[in-house]
Amino acid sequence: MTDEEYAAELERERQWRNERAEYVVREEHGGHHLMRRNGSGQAWGVTRYVKPETAALAAAFLNRLKEDEA
């Protein structure tokens, strides 16, 4: 495997990891729910926030951590 092939494979794996799940915010029942959504569109709740700004900040932070991890 050449250096170029190796670098391309690492980039492909990084993109795959970033696409498989993300954190989103949904407003339901008077609260703002931070949810983790997988590549199939299924989502499950992580926690609930009163303020939408806090929920959005948490989602952005977790998505950024996920990108850095990949």
PDB file of N, CA and C in Angstrom:
ATOM      1  N   MET A   1       0.849  -1.175   0.000  1.00  0.00           N
ATOM      2  CA  MET A   1       0.000   0.000   0.000  1.00  0.00           C
ATOM      3  C   MET A   1       0.895   1.238   0.000  1.00  0.00           C
ATOM      4  N   THR A   2       0.620   2.128  -0.932  1.00  0.00           N
ATOM      5  CA  THR A   2       1.425   3.346  -1.022  1.00  0.00           C
ATOM      6  C   THR A   2       0.954   4.358   0.025  1.00  0.00           C
ATOM      7  N   ASP A   3       1.750   5.392   0.207  1.00  0.00           N
ATOM      8  CA  ASP A   3       1.387   6.455   1.148  1.00  0.00           C
ATOM      9  C   ASP A   3       0.075   7.124   0.753  1.00  0.00           C
ATOM     10  N   GLU A   4      -0.121   7.319  -0.536  1.00  0.00           N
ATOM     11  CA  GLU A   4      -1.345   7.960  -1.031  1.00  0.00           C
ATOM     12  C   GLU A   4      -2.562   7.087  -0.773  1.00  0.00           C
ATOM     13  N   GLU A   5      -2.422   5.799  -1.019  1.00  0.00           N
ATOM     14  CA  GLU A   5      -3.523   4.866  -0.764  1.00  0.00           C
ATOM     15  C   GLU A   5      -3.856   4.814   0.720  1.00  0.00           C
ATOM     16  N   TYR A   6      -2.828   4.792   1.542  1.00  0.00           N
ATOM     17  CA  TYR A   6      -3.029   4.769   2.985  1.00  0.00           C
ATOM     18  C   TYR A   6      -3.746   6.035   3.461  1.00  0.00           C
ATOM     19  N   ALA A   7      -3.315   7.193   2.980  1.00  0.00           N
ATOM     20  CA  ALA A   7      -3.951   8.459   3.350  1.00  0.00           C
ATOM     21  C   ALA A   7      -5.405   8.497   2.873  1.00  0.00           C
ATOM     22  N   ALA A   8      -5.668   7.982   1.693  1.00  0.00           N
ATOM     23  CA  ALA A   8      -7.038   7.945   1.175  1.00  0.00           C
ATOM     24  C   ALA A   8      -7.914   7.025   2.012  1.00  0.00           C
ATOM     25  N   GLU A   9      -7.368   5.912   2.436  1.00  0.00           N
ATOM     26  CA  GLU A   9      -8.127   4.979   3.284  1.00  0.00           C
ATOM     27  C   GLU A   9      -8.425   5.591   4.649  1.00  0.00           C
ATOM     28  N   LEU A  10      -7.468   6.285   5.219  1.00  0.00           N
ATOM     29  CA  LEU A  10      -7.703   6.966   6.504  1.00  0.00           C
ATOM     30  C   LEU A  10      -8.785   8.028   6.369  1.00  0.00           C
ATOM     31  N   GLU A  11      -8.764   8.785   5.288  1.00  0.00           N
ATOM     32  CA  GLU A  11      -9.782   9.810   5.059  1.00  0.00           C
ATOM     33  C   GLU A  11     -11.159   9.184   4.867  1.00  0.00           C
ATOM     34  N   ARG A  12     -11.228   8.087   4.131  1.00  0.00           N
ATOM     35  CA  ARG A  12     -12.499   7.387   3.935  1.00  0.00           C
ATOM     36  C   ARG A  12     -13.063   6.898   5.263  1.00  0.00           C
ATOM     37  N   GLU A  13     -12.219   6.340   6.111  1.00  0.00           N
ATOM     38  CA  GLU A  13     -12.668   5.862   7.423  1.00  0.00           C
ATOM     39  C   GLU A  13     -13.117   7.024   8.314  1.00  0.00           C
ATOM     40  N   ARG A  14     -12.427   8.153   8.259  1.00  0.00           N
ATOM     41  CA  ARG A  14     -12.806   9.316   9.048  1.00  0.00           C
ATOM     42  C   ARG A  14     -14.189   9.820   8.623  1.00  0.00           C
ATOM     43  N   GLN A  15     -14.408   9.904   7.317  1.00  0.00           N
ATOM     44  CA  GLN A  15     -15.709  10.352   6.821  1.00  0.00           C
ATOM     45  C   GLN A  15     -16.813   9.381   7.208  1.00  0.00           C
ATOM     46  N   TRP A  16     -16.554   8.090   7.132  1.00  0.00           N
ATOM     47  CA  TRP A  16     -17.537   7.080   7.512  1.00  0.00           C
ATOM     48  C   TRP A  16     -17.915   7.228   8.976  1.00  0.00           C
ATOM     49  N   ARG A  17     -16.942   7.435   9.852  1.00  0.00           N
ATOM     50  CA  ARG A  17     -17.233   7.603  11.276  1.00  0.00           C
ATOM     51  C   ARG A  17     -18.066   8.845  11.535  1.00  0.00           C
ATOM     52  N   ASN A  18     -17.792   9.921  10.824  1.00  0.00           N
ATOM     53  CA  ASN A  18     -18.543  11.163  11.014  1.00  0.00           C
ATOM     54  C   ASN A  18     -19.967  11.062  10.495  1.00  0.00           C
ATOM     55  N   GLU A  19     -20.216  10.253   9.494  1.00  0.00           N
ATOM     56  CA  GLU A  19     -21.543  10.142   8.901  1.00  0.00           C
ATOM     57  C   GLU A  19     -22.448   9.179   9.655  1.00  0.00           C
ATOM     58  N   ARG A  20     -21.918   8.304  10.452  1.00  0.00           N
ATOM     59  CA  ARG A  20     -22.751   7.258  11.028  1.00  0.00           C
ATOM     60  C   ARG A  20     -23.648   7.719  12.163  1.00  0.00           C
ATOM     61  N   ALA A  21     -23.308   8.770  12.875  1.00  0.00           N
ATOM     62  CA  ALA A  21     -24.163   9.243  13.962  1.00  0.00           C
ATOM     63  C   ALA A  21     -23.946  10.734  14.170  1.00  0.00           C
ATOM     64  N   GLU A  22     -24.997  11.386  14.663  1.00  0.00           N
ATOM     65  CA  GLU A  22     -24.879  12.800  14.975  1.00  0.00           C
ATOM     66  C   GLU A  22     -25.836  13.130  16.111  1.00  0.00           C
ATOM     67  N   TYR A  23     -25.584  14.234  16.750  1.00  0.00           N
ATOM     68  CA  TYR A  23     -26.439  14.713  17.827  1.00  0.00           C
ATOM     69  C   TYR A  23     -27.332  15.816  17.291  1.00  0.00           C
ATOM     70  N   VAL A  24     -28.627  15.710  17.576  1.00  0.00           N
ATOM     71  CA  VAL A  24     -29.611  16.678  17.113  1.00  0.00           C
ATOM     72  C   VAL A  24     -30.492  17.088  18.284  1.00  0.00           C
ATOM     73  N   VAL A  25     -31.204  18.196  18.122  1.00  0.00           N
ATOM     74  CA  VAL A  25     -32.119  18.686  19.149  1.00  0.00           C
ATOM     75  C   VAL A  25     -33.527  18.664  18.585  1.00  0.00           C
ATOM     76  N   ARG A  26     -34.461  18.110  19.349  1.00  0.00           N
ATOM     77  CA  ARG A  26     -35.874  18.103  18.972  1.00  0.00           C
ATOM     78  C   ARG A  26     -36.680  18.735  20.093  1.00  0.00           C
ATOM     79  N   GLU A  27     -37.650  19.542  19.680  1.00  0.00           N
ATOM     80  CA  GLU A  27     -38.537  20.150  20.666  1.00  0.00           C
ATOM     81  C   GLU A  27     -39.777  19.272  20.784  1.00  0.00           C
ATOM     82  N   GLU A  28     -40.002  18.733  21.978  1.00  0.00           N
ATOM     83  CA  GLU A  28     -41.154  17.869  22.228  1.00  0.00           C
ATOM     84  C   GLU A  28     -41.636  18.065  23.651  1.00  0.00           C
ATOM     85  N   HIS A  29     -42.950  18.141  23.822  1.00  0.00           N
ATOM     86  CA  HIS A  29     -43.583  18.193  25.143  1.00  0.00           C
ATOM     87  C   HIS A  29     -43.010  19.305  26.018  1.00  0.00           C
ATOM     88  N   GLY A  30     -42.742  20.449  25.425  1.00  0.00           N
ATOM     89  CA  GLY A  30     -42.274  21.598  26.182  1.00  0.00           C
ATOM     90  C   GLY A  30     -40.806  21.576  26.559  1.00  0.00           C
ATOM     91  N   GLY A  31     -40.066  20.597  26.082  1.00  0.00           N
ATOM     92  CA  GLY A  31     -38.636  20.528  26.380  1.00  0.00           C
ATOM     93  C   GLY A  31     -37.832  20.398  25.107  1.00  0.00           C
ATOM     94  N   HIS A  32     -36.554  20.564  25.240  1.00  0.00           N
ATOM     95  CA  HIS A  32     -35.634  20.454  24.110  1.00  0.00           C
ATOM     96  C   HIS A  32     -34.755  19.239  24.365  1.00  0.00           C
ATOM     97  N   HIS A  33     -34.982  18.200  23.586  1.00  0.00           N
ATOM     98  CA  HIS A  33     -34.330  16.915  23.804  1.00  0.00           C
ATOM     99  C   HIS A  33     -33.091  16.778  22.931  1.00  0.00           C
ATOM    100  N   LEU A  34     -31.971  16.493  23.577  1.00  0.00           N
ATOM    101  CA  LEU A  34     -30.743  16.187  22.861  1.00  0.00           C
ATOM    102  C   LEU A  34     -30.809  14.713  22.512  1.00  0.00           C
ATOM    103  N   MET A  35     -30.705  14.417  21.222  1.00  0.00           N
ATOM    104  CA  MET A  35     -30.850  13.038  20.762  1.00  0.00           C
ATOM    105  C   MET A  35     -29.653  12.654  19.894  1.00  0.00           C
ATOM    106  N   ARG A  36     -29.321  11.386  19.949  1.00  0.00           N
ATOM    107  CA  ARG A  36     -28.276  10.837  19.095  1.00  0.00           C
ATOM    108  C   ARG A  36     -28.979  10.093  17.968  1.00  0.00           C
ATOM    109  N   ARG A  37     -28.676  10.474  16.717  1.00  0.00           N
ATOM    110  CA  ARG A  37     -29.324   9.862  15.558  1.00  0.00           C
ATOM    111  C   ARG A  37     -28.284   9.078  14.772  1.00  0.00           C
ATOM    112  N   ASN A  38     -28.624   7.828  14.443  1.00  0.00           N
ATOM    113  CA  ASN A  38     -27.676   7.008  13.684  1.00  0.00           C
ATOM    114  C   ASN A  38     -27.873   7.198  12.192  1.00  0.00           C
ATOM    115  N   GLY A  39     -27.071   6.536  11.397  1.00  0.00           N
ATOM    116  CA  GLY A  39     -27.118   6.686   9.954  1.00  0.00           C
ATOM    117  C   GLY A  39     -28.434   6.254   9.338  1.00  0.00           C
ATOM    118  N   SER A  40     -29.204   5.415  10.020  1.00  0.00           N
ATOM    119  CA  SER A  40     -30.503   4.961   9.514  1.00  0.00           C
ATOM    120  C   SER A  40     -31.631   5.915   9.857  1.00  0.00           C
ATOM    121  N   GLY A  41     -31.333   6.960  10.607  1.00  0.00           N
ATOM    122  CA  GLY A  41     -32.358   7.923  10.993  1.00  0.00           C
ATOM    123  C   GLY A  41     -33.024   7.622  12.318  1.00  0.00           C
ATOM    124  N   GLN A  42     -32.677   6.522  12.948  1.00  0.00           N
ATOM    125  CA  GLN A  42     -33.216   6.200  14.266  1.00  0.00           C
ATOM    126  C   GLN A  42     -32.564   7.115  15.285  1.00  0.00           C
ATOM    127  N   ALA A  43     -33.348   7.577  16.252  1.00  0.00           N
ATOM    128  CA  ALA A  43     -32.806   8.492  17.264  1.00  0.00           C
ATOM    129  C   ALA A  43     -33.289   8.069  18.646  1.00  0.00           C
ATOM    130  N   TRP A  44     -32.462   8.341  19.634  1.00  0.00           N
ATOM    131  CA  TRP A  44     -32.845   8.089  21.013  1.00  0.00           C
ATOM    132  C   TRP A  44     -32.346   9.231  21.873  1.00  0.00           C
ATOM    133  N   GLY A  45     -33.100   9.500  22.918  1.00  0.00           N
ATOM    134  CA  GLY A  45     -32.798  10.637  23.769  1.00  0.00           C
ATOM    135  C   GLY A  45     -31.574  10.433  24.627  1.00  0.00           C
ATOM    136  N   VAL A  46     -30.832  11.501  24.782  1.00  0.00           N
ATOM    137  CA  VAL A  46     -29.662  11.508  25.658  1.00  0.00           C
ATOM    138  C   VAL A  46     -30.015  12.258  26.938  1.00  0.00           C
ATOM    139  N   THR A  47     -30.578  13.458  26.777  1.00  0.00           N
ATOM    140  CA  THR A  47     -30.999  14.260  27.924  1.00  0.00           C
ATOM    141  C   THR A  47     -31.980  15.324  27.460  1.00  0.00           C
ATOM    142  N   ARG A  48     -32.536  16.074  28.412  1.00  0.00           N
ATOM    143  CA  ARG A  48     -33.533  17.098  28.102  1.00  0.00           C
ATOM    144  C   ARG A  48     -33.073  18.425  28.690  1.00  0.00           C
ATOM    145  N   TYR A  49     -33.259  19.498  27.932  1.00  0.00           N
ATOM    146  CA  TYR A  49     -32.893  20.838  28.373  1.00  0.00           C
ATOM    147  C   TYR A  49     -34.115  21.738  28.356  1.00  0.00           C
ATOM    148  N   VAL A  50     -34.127  22.742  29.220  1.00  0.00           N
ATOM    149  CA  VAL A  50     -35.208  23.716  29.257  1.00  0.00           C
ATOM    150  C   VAL A  50     -34.977  24.781  28.197  1.00  0.00           C
ATOM    151  N   LYS A  51     -33.748  25.243  28.073  1.00  0.00           N
ATOM    152  CA  LYS A  51     -33.424  26.311  27.125  1.00  0.00           C
ATOM    153  C   LYS A  51     -32.933  25.714  25.808  1.00  0.00           C
ATOM    154  N   PRO A  52     -33.481  26.182  24.690  1.00  0.00           N
ATOM    155  CA  PRO A  52     -33.042  25.654  23.387  1.00  0.00           C
ATOM    156  C   PRO A  52     -31.587  25.997  23.081  1.00  0.00           C
ATOM    157  N   GLU A  53     -31.110  27.126  23.581  1.00  0.00           N
ATOM    158  CA  GLU A  53     -29.717  27.514  23.327  1.00  0.00           C
ATOM    159  C   GLU A  53     -28.744  26.521  23.955  1.00  0.00           C
ATOM    160  N   THR A  54     -29.069  26.070  25.167  1.00  0.00           N
ATOM    161  CA  THR A  54     -28.207  25.105  25.858  1.00  0.00           C
ATOM    162  C   THR A  54     -28.188  23.775  25.117  1.00  0.00           C
ATOM    163  N   ALA A  55     -29.345  23.343  24.654  1.00  0.00           N
ATOM    164  CA  ALA A  55     -29.429  22.086  23.910  1.00  0.00           C
ATOM    165  C   ALA A  55     -28.628  22.172  22.617  1.00  0.00           C
ATOM    166  N   ALA A  56     -28.761  23.286  21.904  1.00  0.00           N
ATOM    167  CA  ALA A  56     -28.024  23.461  20.651  1.00  0.00           C
ATOM    168  C   ALA A  56     -26.520  23.498  20.894  1.00  0.00           C
ATOM    169  N   LEU A  57     -26.108  24.154  21.967  1.00  0.00           N
ATOM    170  CA  LEU A  57     -24.691  24.221  22.311  1.00  0.00           C
ATOM    171  C   LEU A  57     -24.144  22.831  22.635  1.00  0.00           C
ATOM    172  N   ALA A  58     -24.904  22.039  23.388  1.00  0.00           N
ATOM    173  CA  ALA A  58     -24.478  20.682  23.733  1.00  0.00           C
ATOM    174  C   ALA A  58     -24.360  19.827  22.471  1.00  0.00           C
ATOM    175  N   ALA A  59     -25.336  19.924  21.565  1.00  0.00           N
ATOM    176  CA  ALA A  59     -25.288  19.142  20.325  1.00  0.00           C
ATOM    177  C   ALA A  59     -24.080  19.535  19.485  1.00  0.00           C
ATOM    178  N   ALA A  60     -23.833  20.832  19.358  1.00  0.00           N
ATOM    179  CA  ALA A  60     -22.685  21.294  18.574  1.00  0.00           C
ATOM    180  C   ALA A  60     -21.375  20.811  19.186  1.00  0.00           C
ATOM    181  N   PHE A  61     -21.282  20.875  20.502  1.00  0.00           N
ATOM    182  CA  PHE A  61     -20.070  20.433  21.190  1.00  0.00           C
ATOM    183  C   PHE A  61     -19.836  18.937  20.980  1.00  0.00           C
ATOM    184  N   LEU A  62     -20.876  18.127  21.149  1.00  0.00           N
ATOM    185  CA  LEU A  62     -20.726  16.681  20.992  1.00  0.00           C
ATOM    186  C   LEU A  62     -20.417  16.298  19.548  1.00  0.00           C
ATOM    187  N   ASN A  63     -21.028  16.983  18.594  1.00  0.00           N
ATOM    188  CA  ASN A  63     -20.709  16.706  17.190  1.00  0.00           C
ATOM    189  C   ASN A  63     -19.263  17.066  16.874  1.00  0.00           C
ATOM    190  N   ARG A  64     -18.783  18.143  17.448  1.00  0.00           N
ATOM    191  CA  ARG A  64     -17.383  18.536  17.229  1.00  0.00           C
ATOM    192  C   ARG A  64     -16.428  17.519  17.868  1.00  0.00           C
ATOM    193  N   LEU A  65     -16.761  17.050  19.063  1.00  0.00           N
ATOM    194  CA  LEU A  65     -15.927  16.014  19.688  1.00  0.00           C
ATOM    195  C   LEU A  65     -15.884  14.761  18.843  1.00  0.00           C
ATOM    196  N   LYS A  66     -17.014  14.385  18.285  1.00  0.00           N
ATOM    197  CA  LYS A  66     -17.097  13.203  17.447  1.00  0.00           C
ATOM    198  C   LYS A  66     -16.204  13.370  16.216  1.00  0.00           C
ATOM    199  N   GLU A  67     -16.209  14.550  15.608  1.00  0.00           N
ATOM    200  CA  GLU A  67     -15.356  14.796  14.446  1.00  0.00           C
ATOM    201  C   GLU A  67     -13.878  14.711  14.810  1.00  0.00           C
ATOM    202  N   ASP A  68     -13.529  15.282  15.950  1.00  0.00           N
ATOM    203  CA  ASP A  68     -12.129  15.261  16.379  1.00  0.00           C
ATOM    204  C   ASP A  68     -11.678  13.845  16.700  1.00  0.00           C
ATOM    205  N   GLU A  69     -12.583  13.040  17.244  1.00  0.00           N
ATOM    206  CA  GLU A  69     -12.247  11.657  17.592  1.00  0.00           C
ATOM    207  C   GLU A  69     -11.932  10.841  16.348  1.00  0.00           C
ATOM    208  N   ALA A  70     -12.699  11.098  15.269  1.00  0.00           N
ATOM    209  CA  ALA A  70     -12.498  10.344  14.033  1.00  0.00           C
ATOM    210  C   ALA A  70     -11.176  10.720  13.422  1.00  0.00           C
TER     211      ALA A  70
END
